[in-house]
Amino acid sequence: MPLPPPILTDSCYKDRLFDISSPDLIPEHWKGTPFEGLINAHNFGMGIQSTGQPQLLIATCIEFRYSLPVPRMHAYVLRRASGRLVGSEFSVAYAIAKGVRHLALIGHNDCGMTQVQPNRQGMIDALVEEGWHRDRAEEFFDYHAGRYSITDELTSLEREYIRLKRLFRRLKIAPLFYSLADNKVFVPQWYLDIKARGVDPTELSVADEELLSIT
């Protein structure tokens, strides 16, 4: 699968991201936290020194073109389709119970979850080949496609950030956006706007379907 072009040349993203082109440009409120170490590892090739205790929870997509630059015994990692943690809230709670106070929520460009519906028949056929009844496979796809398919990666990241802040109010969450071609992370401009306005993200509105009822 070919890589997309450098992200700041793509009109879909270039005006919606802040380029952390030097360590000095890391948001001040992230400095001295595990977020700073993760960004330095991603963008500047700095190593992360493991303490042997979990310092960070990282949530990102299942994307096979993306490898996390973290050592053993440093972070819990959740990789879910589109990077959304729908159905994984118990795992978040477990990490918090183990002392983790920082969640890096990482989206990326060229996400396959923006093309779920065009792949509907192929996914259903794959399940049928695995022994599923076609009706059950169609029901399964249609239910989960509504939970994991997205139309815009940055908008999806924003909605998931707000949803998780409502669920875990004391957890520090850093939304980051990974560029597959650049192999580095950026900060979404919407996040910087929220911080600049001093808005409490738990007070922001989000589409009803994004507000998961934990069951």
C-alpha atoms as a PDB file:
ATOM      1  CA  MET A   1       0.000   0.000   0.000  1.00  0.00           C
ATOM      2  CA  PRO A   2       1.610   3.321  -1.049  1.00  0.00           C
ATOM      3  CA  LEU A   3       2.043   6.133   1.429  1.00  0.00           C
ATOM      4  CA  PRO A   4       0.088   9.367   1.037  1.00  0.00           C
ATOM      5  CA  PRO A   5       2.028  12.604   0.340  1.00  0.00           C
ATOM      6  CA  PRO A   6       3.595  14.705   3.139  1.00  0.00           C
ATOM      7  CA  ILE A   7       0.700  15.921   5.189  1.00  0.00           C
ATOM      8  CA  LEU A   8       1.310  19.663   4.974  1.00  0.00           C
ATOM      9  CA  THR A   9       1.064  19.442   1.169  1.00  0.00           C
ATOM     10  CA  ASP A  10      -2.396  17.912   1.453  1.00  0.00           C
ATOM     11  CA  SER A  11      -5.189  20.492   1.353  1.00  0.00           C
ATOM     12  CA  CYS A  12      -7.326  18.263   3.597  1.00  0.00           C
ATOM     13  CA  TYR A  13      -4.939  18.750   6.505  1.00  0.00           C
ATOM     14  CA  LYS A  14      -2.373  21.510   6.019  1.00  0.00           C
ATOM     15  CA  ASP A  15      -4.373  24.327   7.664  1.00  0.00           C
ATOM     16  CA  ARG A  16      -5.721  22.081  10.412  1.00  0.00           C
ATOM     17  CA  LEU A  17      -2.484  20.963  12.035  1.00  0.00           C
ATOM     18  CA  PHE A  18       0.282  22.557  14.068  1.00  0.00           C
ATOM     19  CA  ASP A  19       3.760  21.402  13.099  1.00  0.00           C
ATOM     20  CA  ILE A  20       5.966  20.513  16.083  1.00  0.00           C
ATOM     21  CA  SER A  21       9.144  21.173  14.145  1.00  0.00           C
ATOM     22  CA  SER A  22      11.338  21.594  17.233  1.00  0.00           C
ATOM     23  CA  PRO A  23      11.120  20.465  20.871  1.00  0.00           C
ATOM     24  CA  ASP A  24      10.528  24.080  21.909  1.00  0.00           C
ATOM     25  CA  LEU A  25       7.196  24.004  20.077  1.00  0.00           C
ATOM     26  CA  ILE A  26       5.725  21.225  22.203  1.00  0.00           C
ATOM     27  CA  PRO A  27       2.735  22.755  24.017  1.00  0.00           C
ATOM     28  CA  GLU A  28       3.907  24.089  27.358  1.00  0.00           C
ATOM     29  CA  HIS A  29       1.330  22.172  29.384  1.00  0.00           C
ATOM     30  CA  TRP A  30       2.660  18.892  27.937  1.00  0.00           C
ATOM     31  CA  LYS A  31       6.266  19.539  28.881  1.00  0.00           C
ATOM     32  CA  GLY A  32       7.523  17.474  31.793  1.00  0.00           C
ATOM     33  CA  THR A  33       4.861  14.816  31.095  1.00  0.00           C
ATOM     34  CA  PRO A  34       5.008  11.498  29.231  1.00  0.00           C
ATOM     35  CA  PHE A  35       3.522  13.341  26.248  1.00  0.00           C
ATOM     36  CA  GLU A  36       6.752  15.281  25.812  1.00  0.00           C
ATOM     37  CA  GLY A  37       8.810  12.104  25.688  1.00  0.00           C
ATOM     38  CA  LEU A  38       6.479  10.515  23.141  1.00  0.00           C
ATOM     39  CA  ILE A  39       6.600  13.556  20.859  1.00  0.00           C
ATOM     40  CA  ASN A  40      10.380  13.798  21.144  1.00  0.00           C
ATOM     41  CA  ALA A  41      10.683  10.118  20.221  1.00  0.00           C
ATOM     42  CA  HIS A  42       8.338  10.484  17.255  1.00  0.00           C
ATOM     43  CA  ASN A  43       9.577  13.735  15.783  1.00  0.00           C
ATOM     44  CA  PHE A  44      13.197  14.027  16.861  1.00  0.00           C
ATOM     45  CA  GLY A  45      14.394  10.463  17.350  1.00  0.00           C
ATOM     46  CA  MET A  46      15.048  10.845  21.061  1.00  0.00           C
ATOM     47  CA  GLY A  47      14.941   7.670  23.101  1.00  0.00           C
ATOM     48  CA  ILE A  48      12.481   7.080  25.923  1.00  0.00           C
ATOM     49  CA  GLN A  49      13.940   5.828  29.173  1.00  0.00           C
ATOM     50  CA  SER A  50      11.704   3.168  30.668  1.00  0.00           C
ATOM     51  CA  THR A  51      11.166   3.276  34.416  1.00  0.00           C
ATOM     52  CA  GLY A  52       9.680  -0.214  34.573  1.00  0.00           C
ATOM     53  CA  GLN A  53       6.297   1.274  35.516  1.00  0.00           C
ATOM     54  CA  PRO A  54       3.532   2.247  33.086  1.00  0.00           C
ATOM     55  CA  GLN A  55       3.714   5.970  32.404  1.00  0.00           C
ATOM     56  CA  LEU A  56       1.287   6.317  29.544  1.00  0.00           C
ATOM     57  CA  LEU A  57      -1.721   4.832  27.802  1.00  0.00           C
ATOM     58  CA  ILE A  58      -1.544   5.104  24.019  1.00  0.00           C
ATOM     59  CA  ALA A  59      -4.669   4.656  21.912  1.00  0.00           C
ATOM     60  CA  THR A  60      -4.328   4.554  18.167  1.00  0.00           C
ATOM     61  CA  CYS A  61      -5.548   2.822  15.019  1.00  0.00           C
ATOM     62  CA  ILE A  62      -4.767  -0.729  13.918  1.00  0.00           C
ATOM     63  CA  GLU A  63      -2.910   0.788  10.925  1.00  0.00           C
ATOM     64  CA  PHE A  64      -0.047  -1.508   9.894  1.00  0.00           C
ATOM     65  CA  ARG A  65       1.991   1.338   8.371  1.00  0.00           C
ATOM     66  CA  TYR A  66       2.471   2.901  11.805  1.00  0.00           C
ATOM     67  CA  SER A  67       4.928   1.715  14.450  1.00  0.00           C
ATOM     68  CA  LEU A  68       5.057   3.196  17.951  1.00  0.00           C
ATOM     69  CA  PRO A  69       8.474   4.440  19.150  1.00  0.00           C
ATOM     70  CA  VAL A  70       8.111   3.255  22.738  1.00  0.00           C
ATOM     71  CA  PRO A  71      10.233   0.790  24.744  1.00  0.00           C
ATOM     72  CA  ARG A  72       9.067  -2.175  26.746  1.00  0.00           C
ATOM     73  CA  MET A  73       7.584  -1.539  30.197  1.00  0.00           C
ATOM     74  CA  HIS A  74       6.654   2.068  29.452  1.00  0.00           C
ATOM     75  CA  ALA A  75       3.117   2.229  28.078  1.00  0.00           C
ATOM     76  CA  TYR A  76      -0.149   0.389  27.758  1.00  0.00           C
ATOM     77  CA  VAL A  77      -1.246   0.341  24.117  1.00  0.00           C
ATOM     78  CA  LEU A  78      -4.744  -0.005  22.682  1.00  0.00           C
ATOM     79  CA  ARG A  79      -5.025  -0.358  18.926  1.00  0.00           C
ATOM     80  CA  ARG A  80      -8.585  -0.226  17.633  1.00  0.00           C
ATOM     81  CA  ALA A  81     -10.127   0.428  14.230  1.00  0.00           C
ATOM     82  CA  SER A  82     -10.124   4.206  13.632  1.00  0.00           C
ATOM     83  CA  GLY A  83      -8.441   4.648  17.017  1.00  0.00           C
ATOM     84  CA  ARG A  84     -11.803   5.009  18.758  1.00  0.00           C
ATOM     85  CA  LEU A  85     -12.063   3.366  22.164  1.00  0.00           C
ATOM     86  CA  VAL A  86     -15.700   2.357  21.884  1.00  0.00           C
ATOM     87  CA  GLY A  87     -15.913  -0.887  23.841  1.00  0.00           C
ATOM     88  CA  SER A  88     -12.463  -0.460  25.405  1.00  0.00           C
ATOM     89  CA  GLU A  89     -13.400   1.841  28.271  1.00  0.00           C
ATOM     90  CA  PHE A  90     -12.751  -0.992  30.737  1.00  0.00           C
ATOM     91  CA  SER A  91      -9.155  -1.124  29.523  1.00  0.00           C
ATOM     92  CA  VAL A  92      -8.819   2.617  30.101  1.00  0.00           C
ATOM     93  CA  ALA A  93     -10.151   2.203  33.627  1.00  0.00           C
ATOM     94  CA  TYR A  94      -7.672  -0.616  34.245  1.00  0.00           C
ATOM     95  CA  ALA A  95      -4.740   1.560  33.170  1.00  0.00           C
ATOM     96  CA  ILE A  96      -5.947   4.363  35.440  1.00  0.00           C
ATOM     97  CA  ALA A  97      -6.173   1.917  38.339  1.00  0.00           C
ATOM     98  CA  LYS A  98      -2.528   1.001  37.666  1.00  0.00           C
ATOM     99  CA  GLY A  99      -1.488   4.618  38.117  1.00  0.00           C
ATOM    100  CA  VAL A 100      -1.560   5.911  34.544  1.00  0.00           C
ATOM    101  CA  ARG A 101      -2.691   9.528  34.333  1.00  0.00           C
ATOM    102  CA  HIS A 102      -1.867  10.352  30.707  1.00  0.00           C
ATOM    103  CA  LEU A 103      -3.567   9.139  27.518  1.00  0.00           C
ATOM    104  CA  ALA A 104      -2.101   9.867  24.082  1.00  0.00           C
ATOM    105  CA  LEU A 105      -4.962   9.642  21.598  1.00  0.00           C
ATOM    106  CA  ILE A 106      -3.396   9.346  18.143  1.00  0.00           C
ATOM    107  CA  GLY A 107      -5.241   9.634  14.849  1.00  0.00           C
ATOM    108  CA  HIS A 108      -3.656   9.439  11.414  1.00  0.00           C
ATOM    109  CA  ASN A 109      -4.215  10.361   7.783  1.00  0.00           C
ATOM    110  CA  ASP A 110      -5.317   8.003   5.012  1.00  0.00           C
ATOM    111  CA  CYS A 111      -7.298   5.921   7.499  1.00  0.00           C
ATOM    112  CA  GLY A 112      -9.016   2.844   6.088  1.00  0.00           C
ATOM    113  CA  MET A 113     -11.997   3.476   8.353  1.00  0.00           C
ATOM    114  CA  THR A 114     -12.992   6.320   6.018  1.00  0.00           C
ATOM    115  CA  GLN A 115     -13.608   3.650   3.368  1.00  0.00           C
ATOM    116  CA  VAL A 116     -15.647   1.134   5.339  1.00  0.00           C
ATOM    117  CA  GLN A 117     -18.842   1.213   3.275  1.00  0.00           C
ATOM    118  CA  PRO A 118     -17.068   0.628  -0.079  1.00  0.00           C
ATOM    119  CA  ASN A 119     -15.557  -2.475   1.537  1.00  0.00           C
ATOM    120  CA  ARG A 120     -18.856  -3.752   2.929  1.00  0.00           C
ATOM    121  CA  GLN A 121     -19.290  -6.653   0.530  1.00  0.00           C
ATOM    122  CA  GLY A 122     -15.687  -7.771   0.836  1.00  0.00           C
ATOM    123  CA  MET A 123     -15.866  -7.824   4.630  1.00  0.00           C
ATOM    124  CA  ILE A 124     -19.159  -9.699   4.656  1.00  0.00           C
ATOM    125  CA  ASP A 125     -17.817 -12.248   2.154  1.00  0.00           C
ATOM    126  CA  ALA A 126     -14.736 -12.714   4.349  1.00  0.00           C
ATOM    127  CA  LEU A 127     -16.933 -13.488   7.356  1.00  0.00           C
ATOM    128  CA  VAL A 128     -19.003 -15.934   5.316  1.00  0.00           C
ATOM    129  CA  GLU A 129     -15.799 -17.693   4.307  1.00  0.00           C
ATOM    130  CA  GLU A 130     -15.005 -17.942   8.022  1.00  0.00           C
ATOM    131  CA  GLY A 131     -18.218 -19.879   8.520  1.00  0.00           C
ATOM    132  CA  TRP A 132     -20.692 -17.134   9.391  1.00  0.00           C
ATOM    133  CA  HIS A 133     -24.242 -17.146   8.051  1.00  0.00           C
ATOM    134  CA  ARG A 134     -24.584 -14.281   5.574  1.00  0.00           C
ATOM    135  CA  ASP A 135     -27.481 -12.666   7.463  1.00  0.00           C
ATOM    136  CA  ARG A 136     -25.435 -12.647  10.674  1.00  0.00           C
ATOM    137  CA  ALA A 137     -22.394 -11.277   8.853  1.00  0.00           C
ATOM    138  CA  GLU A 138     -24.456  -8.447   7.364  1.00  0.00           C
ATOM    139  CA  GLU A 139     -25.977  -7.626  10.741  1.00  0.00           C
ATOM    140  CA  PHE A 140     -22.548  -7.639  12.371  1.00  0.00           C
ATOM    141  CA  PHE A 141     -21.041  -5.365   9.731  1.00  0.00           C
ATOM    142  CA  ASP A 142     -23.877  -2.857   9.770  1.00  0.00           C
ATOM    143  CA  TYR A 143     -23.814  -2.556  13.554  1.00  0.00           C
ATOM    144  CA  HIS A 144     -20.066  -2.131  13.919  1.00  0.00           C
ATOM    145  CA  ALA A 145     -19.599   0.017  10.830  1.00  0.00           C
ATOM    146  CA  GLY A 146     -21.712   2.627  12.576  1.00  0.00           C
ATOM    147  CA  ARG A 147     -19.364   2.547  15.556  1.00  0.00           C
ATOM    148  CA  TYR A 148     -15.998   2.563  13.819  1.00  0.00           C
ATOM    149  CA  SER A 149     -16.381   4.081  10.358  1.00  0.00           C
ATOM    150  CA  ILE A 150     -15.453   7.752  10.080  1.00  0.00           C
ATOM    151  CA  THR A 151     -15.685  10.422   7.404  1.00  0.00           C
ATOM    152  CA  ASP A 152     -12.884  12.762   8.484  1.00  0.00           C
ATOM    153  CA  GLU A 153      -9.943  11.679  10.647  1.00  0.00           C
ATOM    154  CA  LEU A 154      -9.414  14.990  12.446  1.00  0.00           C
ATOM    155  CA  THR A 155     -13.099  15.475  13.207  1.00  0.00           C
ATOM    156  CA  SER A 156     -13.318  11.912  14.502  1.00  0.00           C
ATOM    157  CA  LEU A 157     -10.307  12.543  16.747  1.00  0.00           C
ATOM    158  CA  GLU A 158     -11.961  15.657  18.151  1.00  0.00           C
ATOM    159  CA  ARG A 159     -15.203  13.825  18.917  1.00  0.00           C
ATOM    160  CA  GLU A 160     -13.393  10.959  20.601  1.00  0.00           C
ATOM    161  CA  TYR A 161     -11.312  13.390  22.661  1.00  0.00           C
ATOM    162  CA  ILE A 162     -14.454  15.124  23.923  1.00  0.00           C
ATOM    163  CA  ARG A 163     -16.218  11.805  24.579  1.00  0.00           C
ATOM    164  CA  LEU A 164     -13.326  10.448  26.607  1.00  0.00           C
ATOM    165  CA  LYS A 165     -12.930  13.679  28.568  1.00  0.00           C
ATOM    166  CA  ARG A 166     -16.562  13.349  29.595  1.00  0.00           C
ATOM    167  CA  LEU A 167     -16.004   9.788  30.755  1.00  0.00           C
ATOM    168  CA  PHE A 168     -12.596  10.263  32.432  1.00  0.00           C
ATOM    169  CA  ARG A 169     -12.514  13.830  33.720  1.00  0.00           C
ATOM    170  CA  ARG A 170      -9.208  13.686  35.576  1.00  0.00           C
ATOM    171  CA  LEU A 171      -7.304  11.793  32.920  1.00  0.00           C
ATOM    172  CA  LYS A 172      -4.945  14.035  30.935  1.00  0.00           C
ATOM    173  CA  ILE A 173      -5.505  13.423  27.233  1.00  0.00           C
ATOM    174  CA  ALA A 174      -3.241  14.609  24.420  1.00  0.00           C
ATOM    175  CA  PRO A 175      -4.781  14.349  20.942  1.00  0.00           C
ATOM    176  CA  LEU A 176      -2.065  13.868  18.327  1.00  0.00           C
ATOM    177  CA  PHE A 177      -2.208  13.316  14.580  1.00  0.00           C
ATOM    178  CA  TYR A 178       0.318  11.062  12.882  1.00  0.00           C
ATOM    179  CA  SER A 179       1.409  11.583   9.287  1.00  0.00           C
ATOM    180  CA  LEU A 180       2.213   8.323   7.550  1.00  0.00           C
ATOM    181  CA  ALA A 181       4.551   9.933   5.013  1.00  0.00           C
ATOM    182  CA  ASP A 182       6.331  12.266   7.437  1.00  0.00           C
ATOM    183  CA  ASN A 183       6.573   9.691  10.242  1.00  0.00           C
ATOM    184  CA  LYS A 184       5.881  12.380  12.830  1.00  0.00           C
ATOM    185  CA  VAL A 185       3.037  13.677  14.949  1.00  0.00           C
ATOM    186  CA  PHE A 186       1.252  17.012  14.758  1.00  0.00           C
ATOM    187  CA  VAL A 187      -1.160  18.804  17.086  1.00  0.00           C
ATOM    188  CA  PRO A 188      -4.709  19.324  15.769  1.00  0.00           C
ATOM    189  CA  GLN A 189      -5.514  23.017  15.464  1.00  0.00           C
ATOM    190  CA  TRP A 190      -8.936  22.443  17.016  1.00  0.00           C
ATOM    191  CA  TYR A 191      -7.216  21.347  20.227  1.00  0.00           C
ATOM    192  CA  LEU A 192      -5.047  24.467  20.362  1.00  0.00           C
ATOM    193  CA  ASP A 193      -8.163  26.577  19.780  1.00  0.00           C
ATOM    194  CA  ILE A 194      -9.923  24.889  22.704  1.00  0.00           C
ATOM    195  CA  LYS A 195      -6.928  25.562  24.973  1.00  0.00           C
ATOM    196  CA  ALA A 196      -6.577  29.166  23.792  1.00  0.00           C
ATOM    197  CA  ARG A 197     -10.237  29.864  24.564  1.00  0.00           C
ATOM    198  CA  GLY A 198      -9.956  28.243  27.972  1.00  0.00           C
ATOM    199  CA  VAL A 199     -12.909  26.004  27.203  1.00  0.00           C
ATOM    200  CA  ASP A 200     -13.644  22.990  29.386  1.00  0.00           C
ATOM    201  CA  PRO A 201     -13.851  20.133  26.842  1.00  0.00           C
ATOM    202  CA  THR A 202     -16.391  18.323  28.998  1.00  0.00           C
ATOM    203  CA  GLU A 203     -18.802  21.174  28.271  1.00  0.00           C
ATOM    204  CA  LEU A 204     -18.493  20.903  24.497  1.00  0.00           C
ATOM    205  CA  SER A 205     -21.302  19.316  22.513  1.00  0.00           C
ATOM    206  CA  VAL A 206     -20.823  16.216  20.425  1.00  0.00           C
ATOM    207  CA  ALA A 207     -23.125  14.233  18.174  1.00  0.00           C
ATOM    208  CA  ASP A 208     -25.482  11.951  20.121  1.00  0.00           C
ATOM    209  CA  GLU A 209     -24.139   8.810  18.481  1.00  0.00           C
ATOM    210  CA  GLU A 210     -20.678   9.617  19.780  1.00  0.00           C
ATOM    211  CA  LEU A 211     -21.855   9.569  23.415  1.00  0.00           C
ATOM    212  CA  LEU A 212     -21.468   5.928  24.288  1.00  0.00           C
ATOM    213  CA  SER A 213     -23.718   4.456  26.927  1.00  0.00           C
ATOM    214  CA  ILE A 214     -21.398   2.125  28.828  1.00  0.00           C
ATOM    215  CA  THR A 215     -22.969  -1.322  29.034  1.00  0.00           C
END
